[in-house]
Protein backbone atom coordinates (compact mmCIF):
# COMPACT_ATOMS: atom_id res chain seq x y z
CA UNK A 1 9.50 1.32 3.07
CA UNK A 2 6.81 -1.59 3.00
CA UNK A 3 8.19 -3.96 0.09
CA UNK A 4 5.90 -6.94 1.25
CA UNK A 5 2.40 -7.18 3.09
CA UNK A 6 -0.23 -9.97 3.55
CA UNK A 7 -3.90 -10.12 2.91
CA UNK A 8 -6.17 -12.45 4.30
CA UNK A 9 -9.76 -11.44 3.83
CA UNK A 10 -11.91 -11.96 1.04
CA UNK A 11 -13.25 -9.75 -1.60
CA UNK A 12 -16.63 -9.83 -0.13
CA UNK A 13 -14.97 -9.81 3.43
CA UNK A 14 -13.01 -6.27 2.24
CA UNK A 15 -16.53 -4.51 0.71
CA UNK A 16 -18.17 -5.50 4.02
CA UNK A 17 -15.28 -3.73 5.72
CA UNK A 18 -15.55 -0.63 3.70
CA UNK A 19 -19.69 -0.40 3.86
CA UNK A 20 -18.89 3.09 5.48
CA UNK A 21 -17.77 4.92 3.31
CA UNK A 22 -19.96 7.35 1.32
CA UNK A 23 -18.83 6.56 -1.98
CA UNK A 24 -21.00 3.93 -4.16
CA UNK A 25 -18.48 1.55 -5.24
CA UNK A 26 -19.00 -1.60 -7.00
CA UNK A 27 -17.34 -4.94 -6.74
CA UNK A 28 -15.58 -6.18 -9.55
CA UNK A 29 -15.39 -9.70 -10.04
CA UNK A 30 -12.51 -11.45 -7.97
CA UNK A 31 -8.74 -11.89 -9.75
CA UNK A 32 -6.15 -13.99 -8.74
CA UNK A 33 -4.42 -12.07 -6.25
CA UNK A 34 -2.18 -14.15 -4.00
CA UNK A 35 -2.32 -13.87 0.10
CA UNK A 36 1.54 -12.50 0.20
CA UNK A 37 1.89 -9.37 -1.76
CA UNK A 38 5.49 -8.12 -3.14
CA UNK A 39 6.05 -5.26 -5.56
CA UNK A 40 4.77 -6.38 -9.29
CA UNK A 41 2.11 -8.84 -8.01
CA UNK A 42 -1.54 -8.41 -7.99
CA UNK A 43 -3.79 -6.76 -4.77
CA UNK A 44 -6.97 -5.41 -4.13
CA UNK A 45 -7.65 -1.36 -4.08
CA UNK A 46 -10.65 0.48 -3.28
CA UNK A 47 -10.89 3.85 -5.55
CA UNK A 48 -13.78 6.00 -5.65
CA UNK A 49 -15.70 3.72 -7.81
CA UNK A 50 -14.80 -0.04 -7.21
CA UNK A 51 -13.08 -2.50 -5.08
CA UNK A 52 -10.83 -3.73 -8.06
CA UNK A 53 -7.68 -5.78 -8.81
CA UNK A 54 -4.38 -3.94 -9.57
CA UNK A 55 -0.85 -4.41 -9.71
CA UNK A 56 1.23 -3.04 -6.88
CA UNK A 57 4.03 -0.64 -7.83
CA UNK A 58 4.20 1.99 -10.63
CA UNK A 59 6.39 0.89 -13.54
CA UNK A 60 9.83 2.78 -13.93
CA UNK A 61 11.28 2.14 -17.28
CA UNK A 62 14.61 1.14 -17.21
CA UNK A 63 17.58 0.41 -19.60
CA UNK A 64 20.75 -2.06 -19.56
CA UNK A 65 24.34 -1.12 -19.56
CA UNK A 66 24.04 -1.45 -23.47
CA UNK A 67 20.96 0.57 -23.77
CA UNK A 68 18.49 -2.01 -23.91
CA UNK A 69 15.30 -2.05 -22.12
CA UNK A 70 14.84 -3.76 -18.98
CA UNK A 71 11.93 -5.12 -17.23
CA UNK A 72 10.12 -2.17 -15.32
CA UNK A 73 10.49 -2.10 -11.68
CA UNK A 74 7.55 -1.58 -9.87
CA UNK A 75 7.72 1.70 -7.62
CA UNK A 76 5.25 0.41 -4.66
CA UNK A 77 6.05 3.38 -2.10
CA UNK A 78 5.37 6.90 -2.33
CA UNK A 79 7.13 9.10 0.14
CA UNK A 80 4.42 11.50 1.51
CA UNK A 81 7.14 14.33 1.33
CA UNK A 82 6.97 13.44 -2.49
CA UNK A 83 3.58 13.55 -3.36
CA UNK A 84 4.47 16.82 -5.20
CA UNK A 85 6.84 15.39 -7.27
CA UNK A 86 5.94 15.07 -11.21
CA UNK A 87 6.15 10.64 -10.90
CA UNK A 88 3.08 11.23 -7.94
CA UNK A 89 1.33 14.63 -8.38
CA UNK A 90 -1.31 13.76 -11.09
CA UNK A 91 -2.03 10.53 -9.11
CA UNK A 92 -2.33 12.00 -5.67
CA UNK A 93 -4.54 15.26 -6.60
CA UNK A 94 -6.77 12.35 -8.73
CA UNK A 95 -6.48 8.83 -8.25
CA UNK A 96 -6.54 8.13 -4.62
CA UNK A 97 -7.58 4.74 -3.36
CA UNK A 98 -7.82 2.30 -0.02
CA UNK A 99 -5.42 -0.41 0.30
CA UNK A 100 -7.03 -3.23 2.66
CA UNK A 101 -3.93 -4.71 4.59
CA UNK A 102 -3.79 -7.50 7.03
CA UNK A 103 -0.49 -7.04 8.00
CA UNK A 104 2.86 -5.56 6.64
CA UNK A 105 6.57 -6.57 7.13
CA UNK A 106 10.14 -5.15 7.23
CA UNK A 107 12.87 -6.97 7.09
CA UNK A 108 15.18 -7.07 10.56
CA UNK A 109 18.38 -8.28 11.50
CA UNK A 110 22.10 -8.42 10.52
CA UNK A 111 22.76 -8.17 6.97
CA UNK A 112 22.27 -11.38 4.95
CA UNK A 113 20.11 -12.68 7.51
CA UNK A 114 17.46 -10.51 8.08
CA UNK A 115 14.00 -12.19 8.84
CA UNK A 116 10.13 -11.00 8.13
CA UNK A 117 8.99 -8.73 10.90
CA UNK A 118 4.95 -8.39 10.84
CA UNK A 119 2.98 -5.44 11.70
CA UNK A 120 -0.87 -5.18 12.06
CA UNK A 121 -3.35 -3.64 14.38
CA UNK A 122 -4.51 -5.75 17.29
CA UNK A 123 -8.39 -4.80 16.62
CA UNK A 124 -9.24 -4.37 12.79
CA UNK A 125 -8.09 -6.79 9.76
CA UNK A 126 -7.84 -5.59 7.48
CA UNK A 127 -6.44 -2.20 7.99
CA UNK A 128 -7.09 0.61 5.51
CA UNK A 129 -3.75 1.90 4.09
CA UNK A 130 -3.67 5.33 1.94
CA UNK A 131 -3.11 4.37 -1.70
CA UNK A 132 -2.63 6.12 -5.36
CA UNK A 133 -3.27 4.49 -8.19
CA UNK A 134 -3.05 5.12 -12.63
CA UNK A 135 -3.64 3.88 -15.24
CA UNK A 136 -0.33 2.30 -17.27
CA UNK A 137 0.51 0.95 -20.36
CA UNK A 138 2.44 -2.07 -18.75
CA UNK A 139 0.44 -3.73 -16.36
CA UNK A 140 -3.10 -1.56 -16.91
CA UNK A 141 -3.80 0.04 -13.19
CA UNK A 142 -1.16 -0.24 -10.77
CA UNK A 143 -0.89 1.52 -7.32
CA UNK A 144 1.26 2.75 -4.66
CA UNK A 145 1.36 2.93 -1.09
CA UNK A 146 1.97 6.00 0.78
CA UNK A 147 4.75 6.44 3.34
CA UNK A 148 5.10 8.70 6.39
CA UNK A 149 7.50 8.69 9.25
CA UNK A 150 7.37 5.90 11.50
CA UNK A 151 5.70 5.68 14.89
CA UNK A 152 7.33 4.33 18.43
CA UNK A 153 6.39 0.80 17.10
CA UNK A 154 7.80 0.69 13.89
CA UNK A 155 10.85 3.37 14.29
CA UNK A 156 13.12 0.96 15.67
CA UNK A 157 13.21 -1.21 12.76
CA UNK A 158 12.56 1.28 10.05
CA UNK A 159 12.30 5.13 9.76
CA UNK A 160 9.12 5.09 7.62
CA UNK A 161 5.87 3.20 7.74
CA UNK A 162 2.60 3.07 5.67
CA UNK A 163 -0.09 5.65 5.83
CA UNK A 164 -2.86 4.14 8.02
CA UNK A 165 -6.11 5.64 7.76
CA UNK A 166 -9.16 5.26 10.63
CA UNK A 167 -12.77 4.71 9.46
CA UNK A 168 -13.41 8.69 9.70
CA UNK A 169 -10.46 9.31 7.20
CA UNK A 170 -11.46 7.19 4.35
CA UNK A 171 -13.79 9.57 2.50
CA UNK A 172 -11.63 12.44 2.82
CA UNK A 173 -8.45 10.17 1.10
CA UNK A 174 -11.14 8.94 -1.37
CA UNK A 175 -12.69 11.95 -2.60
CA UNK A 176 -11.55 15.51 -0.45
CA UNK A 177 -9.37 18.55 -1.79
CA UNK A 178 -5.43 17.42 -1.92
CA UNK A 179 -4.58 19.56 1.01
CA UNK A 180 -6.79 17.70 3.18
CA UNK A 181 -5.84 14.74 2.11
CA UNK A 182 -2.32 15.48 2.81
CA UNK A 183 -3.02 16.50 6.08
CA UNK A 184 -3.89 12.71 6.98
CA UNK A 185 -0.35 11.67 5.93
CA UNK A 186 0.88 10.98 9.83
CA UNK A 187 2.43 8.26 11.65
CA UNK A 188 -0.08 6.03 13.09
CA UNK A 189 -1.24 6.84 16.72
CA UNK A 190 -3.01 3.75 18.15
CA UNK A 191 -1.76 0.44 19.35
CA UNK A 192 0.28 -1.62 16.41
CA UNK A 193 0.97 -5.39 17.22
CA UNK A 194 4.67 -6.79 16.22
CA UNK A 195 5.22 -10.24 15.35
CA UNK A 196 8.92 -11.39 15.29
CA UNK A 197 9.34 -14.66 12.78
CA UNK A 198 12.44 -17.13 12.24
CA UNK A 199 11.18 -16.67 8.16
CA UNK A 200 13.96 -15.29 5.90
CA UNK A 201 13.18 -11.93 4.20
CA UNK A 202 13.78 -13.20 0.74
CA UNK A 203 11.94 -16.48 1.25
CA UNK A 204 9.15 -17.04 -1.57
């Protein structure tokens, strides 16, 4: 699952990247989204209405051992085979979005010494990843990435990867019927570049 990604483009650059979508979207004022995005951090998303900023991860309520409320956990990945479950289904049917991503990371290496391995597209920065979103009481609007089976480039490190959508699929994902949108949840079939680093996975 993806728990870290990078977004190196400005809001205006992202708006230009999505210029071919059929929907007429507003570009909302820029917020303070960082370049490196962890679950619970703000990031850019394109809905059918606007290029805007939301929190990465749907809030999941938790309680401690003594029943005390804990800080909600951001659930930032939605498996494509679980999109019909109650936690995700309404958002998938009614509120899909595109997430601009320069590169996503997975941990690689021995337990306790894992490092960041980055995946990006050699011919596109950013790429568009399938997402869903909803309004929340805890964090206002929040989004989650949709995950599918890994392709050959990612499978050696993780068995799942984000759903990467080519431009011809953007409008179907944003405004198509759920059956057509779900058919797009497939492993990416084109080249993916891999960059291995010495950066510890948990470095912040």
